[in-house]
Amino acid sequence: MKWNKSGGNIFLCCFGVFPTIEDRLRKFIENTDNVQTALYDPYTLQVIILDELHTKMDSIVWDLLTVFNNTEEVRNPSPKMHYADE
């Protein structure tokens, strides 16, 4: 991100951005008040990006957890537990 305080210009360059990040940034800049906020404090854009990345990483972790959890159940089926009163 490059920010020129005197000119009010912001240059934000993102490579390989997820569609959700692009959509959220588009919705953000459609509102004129948000654009003024971003010109005053452009790091609000970075907060949006980091929030979306966090959401994406959380989703990936849960997907991987499901895959490995299923793999562990297939390889090591849990034995039936026997209780003392049986």
Protein backbone atom coordinates (compact mmCIF):
# COMPACT_ATOMS: atom_id res chain seq x y z
CA MET A 1 0.00 0.00 0.00
CA LYS A 2 1.27 3.44 -0.89
CA TRP A 3 -0.30 6.53 0.64
CA ASN A 4 0.32 10.16 -0.22
CA LYS A 5 -1.03 12.24 2.69
CA SER A 6 -0.77 15.53 0.84
CA GLY A 7 -2.47 14.38 -2.36
CA GLY A 8 -4.94 11.97 -0.81
CA ASN A 9 -4.02 9.24 -3.28
CA ILE A 10 -3.97 5.60 -2.28
CA PHE A 11 -2.42 2.82 -4.30
CA LEU A 12 -3.34 -0.69 -3.20
CA CYS A 13 -1.98 -3.63 -5.13
CA CYS A 14 -3.15 -7.19 -4.37
CA PHE A 15 -2.02 -10.29 -6.25
CA GLY A 16 -4.05 -13.49 -6.37
CA VAL A 17 -6.81 -12.01 -4.26
CA PHE A 18 -9.75 -14.20 -3.23
CA PRO A 19 -13.09 -13.21 -4.79
CA THR A 20 -14.51 -12.49 -1.33
CA ILE A 21 -11.83 -9.89 -0.67
CA GLU A 22 -12.44 -8.24 -4.03
CA ASP A 23 -16.21 -8.17 -3.45
CA ARG A 24 -15.83 -6.72 0.03
CA LEU A 25 -13.46 -3.99 -1.18
CA ARG A 26 -15.82 -3.12 -4.04
CA LYS A 27 -18.76 -2.82 -1.64
CA PHE A 28 -16.64 -0.70 0.68
CA ILE A 29 -15.63 1.84 -1.97
CA GLU A 30 -19.18 2.11 -3.40
CA ASN A 31 -20.06 4.20 -0.34
CA THR A 32 -18.71 7.76 -0.62
CA ASP A 33 -18.29 8.07 3.16
CA ASN A 34 -16.11 4.96 3.17
CA VAL A 35 -13.92 6.43 0.43
CA GLN A 36 -13.41 9.56 2.51
CA THR A 37 -12.53 7.39 5.51
CA ALA A 38 -10.04 5.43 3.41
CA LEU A 39 -8.44 8.65 2.15
CA TYR A 40 -8.02 9.82 5.73
CA ASP A 41 -6.92 6.43 7.08
CA PRO A 42 -6.08 3.95 4.28
CA TYR A 43 -5.24 1.21 6.74
CA THR A 44 -8.99 0.58 6.97
CA LEU A 45 -8.50 -1.21 3.64
CA GLN A 46 -5.81 -3.37 5.19
CA VAL A 47 -8.18 -4.30 8.01
CA ILE A 48 -10.72 -5.52 5.46
CA ILE A 49 -8.08 -7.60 3.70
CA LEU A 50 -6.74 -9.11 6.93
CA ASP A 51 -10.26 -9.90 8.14
CA GLU A 52 -11.09 -11.73 4.91
CA LEU A 53 -7.75 -13.59 4.99
CA HIS A 54 -8.46 -14.66 8.56
CA THR A 55 -11.89 -15.95 7.52
CA LYS A 56 -10.36 -17.84 4.57
CA MET A 57 -7.60 -19.37 6.71
CA ASP A 58 -10.15 -20.43 9.32
CA SER A 59 -12.19 -22.15 6.63
CA ILE A 60 -9.11 -23.93 5.26
CA VAL A 61 -8.11 -25.15 8.71
CA TRP A 62 -11.58 -26.59 9.35
CA ASP A 63 -11.58 -28.27 5.92
CA LEU A 64 -8.21 -29.87 6.64
CA LEU A 65 -9.36 -30.91 10.09
CA THR A 66 -12.30 -32.72 8.53
CA VAL A 67 -10.08 -34.51 6.01
CA PHE A 68 -7.56 -35.67 8.61
CA ASN A 69 -10.24 -36.52 11.13
CA ASN A 70 -11.94 -38.80 8.59
CA THR A 71 -8.58 -40.36 7.72
CA GLU A 72 -7.83 -41.11 11.36
CA GLU A 73 -11.24 -42.70 11.87
CA VAL A 74 -10.69 -45.01 8.89
CA ARG A 75 -7.18 -46.04 9.95
CA ASN A 76 -7.84 -46.37 13.67
CA PRO A 77 -11.47 -47.05 14.40
CA SER A 78 -12.09 -46.31 18.03
CA PRO A 79 -12.75 -49.44 20.09
CA LYS A 80 -16.03 -49.66 21.92
CA MET A 81 -15.66 -48.49 25.46
CA HIS A 82 -16.63 -50.86 28.22
CA TYR A 83 -17.86 -49.44 31.45
CA ALA A 84 -17.26 -50.96 34.88
CA ASP A 85 -20.96 -51.67 35.41
CA GLU A 86 -21.30 -53.80 32.24
